[in-house]
Amino acid sequence: MKKEERFSLSFRLPLFIFTLALVLFPLVYMIVLSFAQRDGAWGISYVLSLRNYRRIGETIVLQTFVQSLRLAFISTTLTAIIGYPFGYFMAGLKEKWKNRVMLILIIPFWTSSLMRLYGWIIVFRANGVLDRFLMGLGITNEPLRLLYSYPAVATGMVYILLPFMIYSVYTSAEKLDRGLVEAARNLGATRLGAFLTVSFPLTMPGLFSGFVLTFIPSMGIFYLAEILGGNRVVLVGNLIHEQVVMANNWPFAAALSAALMILTGLFIFLYRKFTKSGELEGLV
């Protein structure tokens, strides 16, 4: 073996060890555990069966999955509606203002997300900031019950995940060749027409990346649903957390995690297939 190959292998070996120890082994263990059974209060019996996966077919569990998917699609759609124009126009700013806006987006990450979510409690609670604002404008006559509701959880998800959408779109829009837009305008296209025929298709990869980065986490942010939704909004992540912490049913929690992983994996597969087909169409 040459000296350069040994040197390269010495750098790759820690990565392989890290992947095996902290990624592959826990994944395999989770899958094996999902076929095991709970034995007593804390024990696990490795008598493999499909019992845990059959429990996922129960009505209450399926309703939790449906509610999680629905909330994920709603929050992802709202995030795209807000984040796409923000990221697109941020890419067109001057360098000085671009850096300032990026700093404003990064600053919230310096604070714990739990602390920021507790701030939303002050906004949504009865006689809170939002209630006083609406009653001051005469829009409402009495306090609204927004806290511990579906809209509160959706708002919290959009707030937490919005920067991921903005940066994904910004990265794609920054690479956009503005000369193509000007060429479309010179050929008679309106601003809207040039955007729909040139800018939007070329920034679609960033939008799809933002969809992936926001949809997948929104399926399992259990602490957000607990803080802003109370016990009224239960997601798959909350169900897994309950099975691990309260019920001590690790095999069923592993089966739920495996099912969630399959759903997110299917979403990533569709995303990759769609973007690849889009690239091929663009080449043609």
Protein backbone atom coordinates (compact mmCIF):
# COMPACT_ATOMS: atom_id res chain seq x y z
CA MET A 1 0.00 0.00 0.00
CA LYS A 2 1.34 3.39 -0.98
CA LYS A 3 2.04 6.08 1.56
CA GLU A 4 -0.68 8.33 0.10
CA GLU A 5 -3.28 5.53 0.33
CA ARG A 6 -2.37 4.79 3.96
CA PHE A 7 -2.60 8.49 4.76
CA SER A 8 -6.03 8.71 3.10
CA LEU A 9 -7.23 5.56 4.90
CA SER A 10 -6.16 6.97 8.26
CA PHE A 11 -8.46 9.92 7.67
CA ARG A 12 -11.37 7.80 6.43
CA LEU A 13 -11.19 5.18 9.18
CA PRO A 14 -12.55 7.45 11.98
CA LEU A 15 -15.47 8.34 9.72
CA PHE A 16 -16.24 4.66 9.13
CA ILE A 17 -16.03 3.90 12.84
CA PHE A 18 -18.25 6.87 13.66
CA THR A 19 -20.82 5.79 11.07
CA LEU A 20 -20.88 2.19 12.30
CA ALA A 21 -20.97 3.00 16.02
CA LEU A 22 -23.34 5.99 16.08
CA VAL A 23 -25.47 5.54 12.95
CA LEU A 24 -25.64 1.98 11.63
CA PHE A 25 -25.54 0.05 14.92
CA PRO A 26 -28.29 2.13 16.65
CA LEU A 27 -30.43 1.84 13.52
CA VAL A 28 -30.06 -1.95 13.36
CA TYR A 29 -30.68 -2.22 17.11
CA MET A 30 -33.86 -0.13 16.81
CA ILE A 31 -35.19 -2.35 14.03
CA VAL A 32 -34.43 -5.54 15.98
CA LEU A 33 -35.97 -4.02 19.12
CA SER A 34 -39.15 -3.17 17.21
CA PHE A 35 -39.81 -6.91 16.78
CA ALA A 36 -39.19 -7.68 20.48
CA GLN A 37 -41.75 -7.62 23.30
CA ARG A 38 -42.01 -5.85 26.62
CA ASP A 39 -41.33 -8.18 29.56
CA GLY A 40 -42.42 -6.85 32.93
CA ALA A 41 -41.91 -3.25 34.01
CA TRP A 42 -38.45 -2.72 32.53
CA GLY A 43 -37.51 -5.97 30.81
CA ILE A 44 -37.44 -6.81 27.10
CA SER A 45 -38.11 -10.26 25.68
CA TYR A 46 -36.44 -10.91 22.34
CA VAL A 47 -39.18 -13.20 21.10
CA LEU A 48 -39.54 -11.68 17.67
CA SER A 49 -43.03 -11.01 16.35
CA LEU A 50 -45.05 -8.44 14.42
CA ARG A 51 -47.20 -7.55 17.43
CA ASN A 52 -45.81 -4.02 17.76
CA TYR A 53 -46.41 -3.28 14.10
CA ARG A 54 -49.95 -4.62 14.32
CA ARG A 55 -50.58 -2.17 17.17
CA ILE A 56 -49.75 0.68 14.78
CA GLY A 57 -52.90 -0.30 12.89
CA GLU A 58 -55.06 0.57 15.90
CA THR A 59 -57.41 3.50 15.39
CA ILE A 60 -55.87 5.85 17.94
CA VAL A 61 -52.35 5.31 16.61
CA LEU A 62 -53.43 5.78 12.99
CA GLN A 63 -55.23 8.97 13.97
CA THR A 64 -52.00 10.21 15.55
CA PHE A 65 -50.08 9.50 12.33
CA VAL A 66 -52.76 11.23 10.24
CA GLN A 67 -52.75 14.25 12.54
CA SER A 68 -48.95 14.42 12.41
CA LEU A 69 -48.92 14.22 8.60
CA ARG A 70 -51.64 16.85 8.31
CA LEU A 71 -49.84 19.22 10.66
CA ALA A 72 -46.55 18.59 8.86
CA PHE A 73 -48.09 19.45 5.47
CA ILE A 74 -49.84 22.54 6.84
CA SER A 75 -46.74 23.88 8.60
CA THR A 76 -44.51 23.07 5.62
CA THR A 77 -46.89 24.80 3.21
CA LEU A 78 -47.09 27.91 5.41
CA THR A 79 -43.32 27.88 5.78
CA ALA A 80 -42.92 27.76 2.00
CA ILE A 81 -45.44 30.57 1.44
CA ILE A 82 -43.56 32.81 3.87
CA GLY A 83 -40.00 31.57 3.35
CA TYR A 84 -39.80 31.42 -0.45
CA PRO A 85 -40.34 35.15 -1.17
CA PHE A 86 -38.18 36.05 1.82
CA GLY A 87 -35.25 33.92 0.63
CA TYR A 88 -35.70 34.93 -3.00
CA PHE A 89 -35.65 38.68 -2.36
CA MET A 90 -32.89 38.32 0.25
CA ALA A 91 -30.65 36.90 -2.48
CA GLY A 92 -31.17 40.10 -4.49
CA LEU A 93 -30.13 42.47 -1.69
CA LYS A 94 -26.84 44.31 -1.62
CA GLU A 95 -24.06 42.52 0.21
CA LYS A 96 -24.25 44.81 3.25
CA TRP A 97 -27.97 44.33 3.78
CA LYS A 98 -27.76 40.66 2.91
CA ASN A 99 -25.31 40.07 5.75
CA ARG A 100 -27.49 42.02 8.16
CA VAL A 101 -30.60 40.02 7.30
CA MET A 102 -28.69 36.75 7.60
CA LEU A 103 -27.46 37.83 11.04
CA ILE A 104 -31.03 38.60 12.12
CA LEU A 105 -32.07 35.10 11.05
CA ILE A 106 -29.15 33.47 12.86
CA ILE A 107 -29.51 35.34 16.19
CA PRO A 108 -32.57 33.30 17.35
CA PHE A 109 -30.48 30.12 17.10
CA TRP A 110 -28.25 31.51 19.85
CA THR A 111 -31.18 31.02 22.23
CA SER A 112 -32.70 27.70 23.23
CA SER A 113 -35.75 26.79 21.16
CA LEU A 114 -37.54 25.91 24.41
CA MET A 115 -37.07 29.45 25.69
CA ARG A 116 -38.41 30.87 22.42
CA LEU A 117 -41.45 28.60 22.53
CA TYR A 118 -42.25 29.69 26.08
CA GLY A 119 -42.28 33.22 24.69
CA TRP A 120 -45.16 32.17 22.43
CA ILE A 121 -47.11 31.13 25.52
CA ILE A 122 -47.04 34.78 26.62
CA VAL A 123 -48.42 35.73 23.20
CA PHE A 124 -51.16 33.09 22.93
CA ARG A 125 -52.39 32.81 26.51
CA ALA A 126 -55.73 34.34 27.57
CA ASN A 127 -55.37 38.09 28.09
CA GLY A 128 -51.91 37.81 26.58
CA VAL A 129 -50.17 40.06 24.09
CA LEU A 130 -52.24 38.94 21.10
CA ASP A 131 -55.55 39.17 22.96
CA ARG A 132 -54.84 42.67 24.20
CA PHE A 133 -53.76 43.76 20.72
CA LEU A 134 -56.90 42.41 19.06
CA MET A 135 -59.20 43.80 21.74
CA GLY A 136 -57.42 47.15 21.55
CA LEU A 137 -58.19 47.31 17.82
CA GLY A 138 -61.78 46.33 18.48
CA ILE A 139 -61.49 43.11 16.45
CA THR A 140 -62.47 40.91 19.41
CA ASN A 141 -64.53 41.61 22.50
CA GLU A 142 -63.27 38.81 24.72
CA PRO A 143 -60.06 36.78 25.10
CA LEU A 144 -59.47 34.03 22.55
CA ARG A 145 -58.48 30.53 23.57
CA LEU A 146 -55.50 30.14 21.23
CA LEU A 147 -53.05 28.45 23.58
CA TYR A 148 -53.11 24.64 23.59
CA SER A 149 -54.72 24.52 20.18
CA TYR A 150 -53.91 23.28 16.70
CA PRO A 151 -53.20 26.78 15.29
CA ALA A 152 -50.78 27.48 18.15
CA VAL A 153 -48.77 24.34 17.37
CA ALA A 154 -48.76 25.14 13.63
CA THR A 155 -47.56 28.68 14.36
CA GLY A 156 -44.79 27.36 16.59
CA MET A 157 -43.64 24.94 13.91
CA VAL A 158 -43.55 27.65 11.26
CA TYR A 159 -41.56 29.86 13.63
CA ILE A 160 -39.02 27.14 14.45
CA LEU A 161 -38.58 25.79 10.91
CA LEU A 162 -38.87 28.99 8.85
CA PRO A 163 -35.09 29.75 8.75
CA PHE A 164 -34.40 26.35 7.15
CA MET A 165 -36.78 27.17 4.29
CA ILE A 166 -35.40 30.69 3.89
CA TYR A 167 -31.76 29.55 3.68
CA SER A 168 -32.60 26.74 1.26
CA VAL A 169 -34.37 29.12 -1.11
CA TYR A 170 -31.70 31.78 -0.62
CA THR A 171 -28.91 29.37 -1.57
CA SER A 172 -30.72 28.43 -4.77
CA ALA A 173 -31.74 32.01 -5.64
CA GLU A 174 -28.21 33.34 -5.09
CA LYS A 175 -26.94 31.03 -7.83
CA LEU A 176 -29.62 32.25 -10.23
CA ASP A 177 -28.24 33.87 -13.37
CA ARG A 178 -29.97 37.25 -13.40
CA GLY A 179 -28.94 37.63 -17.05
CA LEU A 180 -31.54 35.01 -17.98
CA VAL A 181 -34.23 37.08 -16.30
CA GLU A 182 -33.12 40.20 -18.16
CA ALA A 183 -33.10 38.26 -21.42
CA ALA A 184 -36.70 37.18 -20.82
CA ARG A 185 -37.66 40.80 -20.11
CA ASN A 186 -35.96 41.97 -23.31
CA LEU A 187 -37.93 39.39 -25.26
CA GLY A 188 -41.18 40.92 -24.04
CA ALA A 189 -41.95 39.00 -20.86
CA THR A 190 -43.49 40.87 -17.95
CA ARG A 191 -41.91 40.77 -14.47
CA LEU A 192 -44.39 38.10 -13.41
CA GLY A 193 -43.92 36.17 -16.65
CA ALA A 194 -40.13 36.23 -16.33
CA PHE A 195 -40.40 35.03 -12.74
CA LEU A 196 -42.78 32.18 -13.56
CA THR A 197 -40.88 30.99 -16.64
CA VAL A 198 -37.27 31.58 -15.55
CA SER A 199 -36.71 32.41 -11.89
CA PHE A 200 -39.19 30.05 -10.26
CA PRO A 201 -38.19 26.88 -12.18
CA LEU A 202 -34.49 27.55 -11.54
CA THR A 203 -35.07 28.02 -7.80
CA MET A 204 -37.28 24.94 -7.42
CA PRO A 205 -34.39 22.79 -6.06
CA GLY A 206 -34.02 25.16 -3.14
CA LEU A 207 -37.76 25.09 -2.50
CA PHE A 208 -37.80 21.28 -2.53
CA SER A 209 -34.80 21.17 -0.18
CA GLY A 210 -36.69 23.49 2.16
CA PHE A 211 -39.69 21.15 2.02
CA VAL A 212 -37.50 18.23 3.11
CA LEU A 213 -35.76 20.21 5.87
CA THR A 214 -39.09 21.38 7.31
CA PHE A 215 -41.41 18.42 6.69
CA ILE A 216 -39.23 15.75 8.28
CA PRO A 217 -38.55 17.54 11.62
CA SER A 218 -42.18 18.63 11.94
CA MET A 219 -43.20 14.97 12.25
CA GLY A 220 -41.25 14.47 15.46
CA ILE A 221 -40.94 17.76 17.37
CA PHE A 222 -42.75 16.39 20.40
CA TYR A 223 -41.69 19.12 22.83
CA LEU A 224 -43.31 21.79 20.66
CA ALA A 225 -46.67 20.01 20.73
CA GLU A 226 -46.40 19.55 24.50
CA ILE A 227 -45.63 23.22 25.16
CA LEU A 228 -48.09 24.88 22.77
CA GLY A 229 -50.63 22.08 22.35
CA GLY A 230 -50.80 20.60 25.82
CA ASN A 231 -52.55 17.22 25.69
CA ARG A 232 -54.91 18.35 22.94
CA VAL A 233 -52.44 17.96 20.06
CA VAL A 234 -50.59 14.64 20.05
CA LEU A 235 -48.02 13.89 17.36
CA VAL A 236 -46.08 10.72 16.59
CA GLY A 237 -43.10 12.17 18.45
CA ASN A 238 -45.25 12.64 21.56
CA LEU A 239 -46.46 9.06 21.31
CA ILE A 240 -42.89 7.74 21.05
CA HIS A 241 -41.80 9.92 23.98
CA GLU A 242 -44.73 8.64 26.06
CA GLN A 243 -43.87 5.00 25.32
CA VAL A 244 -40.23 5.52 26.33
CA VAL A 245 -40.60 7.75 29.40
CA MET A 246 -43.97 6.81 30.89
CA ALA A 247 -44.98 3.38 29.60
CA ASN A 248 -41.41 1.97 29.44
CA ASN A 249 -42.45 0.11 26.29
CA TRP A 250 -39.26 0.43 24.27
CA PRO A 251 -40.18 -2.18 21.62
CA PHE A 252 -43.40 -0.38 20.67
CA ALA A 253 -41.54 2.95 20.67
CA ALA A 254 -38.98 1.38 18.32
CA ALA A 255 -41.76 0.16 16.02
CA LEU A 256 -43.29 3.64 15.93
CA SER A 257 -39.85 5.11 15.18
CA ALA A 258 -39.31 2.60 12.38
CA ALA A 259 -42.70 3.47 10.86
CA LEU A 260 -41.89 7.17 11.09
CA MET A 261 -38.50 6.53 9.49
CA ILE A 262 -40.19 4.69 6.61
CA LEU A 263 -42.55 7.61 6.04
CA THR A 264 -39.76 10.18 6.01
CA GLY A 265 -37.62 7.90 3.86
CA LEU A 266 -40.46 7.65 1.35
CA PHE A 267 -40.74 11.42 1.30
CA ILE A 268 -36.99 11.78 0.65
CA PHE A 269 -37.20 9.14 -2.12
CA LEU A 270 -40.02 11.03 -3.84
CA TYR A 271 -38.10 14.28 -3.47
CA ARG A 272 -34.95 12.84 -5.05
CA LYS A 273 -36.90 11.18 -7.84
CA PHE A 274 -38.86 14.34 -8.58
CA THR A 275 -35.80 16.59 -8.60
CA LYS A 276 -33.87 14.17 -10.81
CA SER A 277 -36.73 13.98 -13.30
CA GLY A 278 -36.94 17.77 -13.23
CA GLU A 279 -33.23 18.06 -14.00
CA LEU A 280 -33.59 15.64 -16.92
CA GLU A 281 -36.49 17.61 -18.32
CA GLY A 282 -34.42 20.77 -18.01
CA LEU A 283 -31.59 19.18 -19.94
CA VAL A 284 -33.95 18.14 -22.73
